[in-house]
Each structure stands twice: as structure tokens, then as C-alpha cells.
Amino acid sequence: VHFVSNIDGTHLAEVLKKLNPETALFIIASKTFTTQ
């Protein structure tokens, strides 16, 4: 299991290099932090 907490290109590239594209599953969640 790998987590990327921000969209920093360098960090994302390092994680993607470790993955096998044939077996990888991505779950993407976004929050705007504007909820009152």
C-alpha cells in the first residue's frame, strides 16, 4: 500500500516507479477544506 499526500511531482514519480501498472489500483480522494 502506498500513499501520496500531495501532488508533488517528484514524490508521485518515486511512488509510481515502484508499481506494476497491470496490478495497480488507484483510489483518489480530494477535499477542498471549505466545508463549514
Protein backbone atom coordinates (compact mmCIF):
# COMPACT_ATOMS: atom_id res chain seq x y z
CA VAL A 1 0.00 0.00 0.00
CA HIS A 2 1.36 3.40 -0.99
CA PHE A 3 0.07 6.85 -0.07
CA VAL A 4 0.75 10.17 -1.81
CA SER A 5 -0.46 13.04 0.35
CA ASN A 6 0.16 15.83 -2.15
CA ILE A 7 0.61 16.27 -5.88
CA ASP A 8 4.36 16.92 -5.67
CA GLY A 9 5.64 15.56 -8.97
CA THR A 10 8.86 14.16 -7.54
CA HIS A 11 7.14 12.23 -4.76
CA LEU A 12 4.45 10.94 -7.11
CA ALA A 13 7.05 9.78 -9.67
CA GLU A 14 9.00 7.89 -6.99
CA VAL A 15 5.88 6.02 -5.89
CA LEU A 16 4.76 5.28 -9.46
CA LYS A 17 8.15 3.72 -10.28
CA LYS A 18 7.50 1.08 -7.61
CA LEU A 19 4.14 -0.01 -9.03
CA ASN A 20 3.21 -2.63 -11.59
CA PRO A 21 0.65 -0.96 -13.92
CA GLU A 22 -1.04 -4.31 -14.60
CA THR A 23 -1.95 -4.81 -10.94
CA ALA A 24 -2.12 -1.27 -9.55
CA LEU A 25 -5.38 0.20 -8.27
CA PHE A 26 -5.71 3.92 -7.63
CA ILE A 27 -8.17 5.48 -5.19
CA ILE A 28 -8.18 9.26 -5.44
CA ALA A 29 -9.85 11.49 -2.85
CA SER A 30 -9.97 15.26 -2.88
CA LYS A 31 -11.07 17.75 -0.23
CA THR A 32 -11.49 21.48 -0.72
CA PHE A 33 -11.48 22.30 3.02
CA THR A 34 -14.29 24.83 2.52
CA THR A 35 -16.93 22.81 4.40
CA GLN A 36 -18.47 24.89 7.17
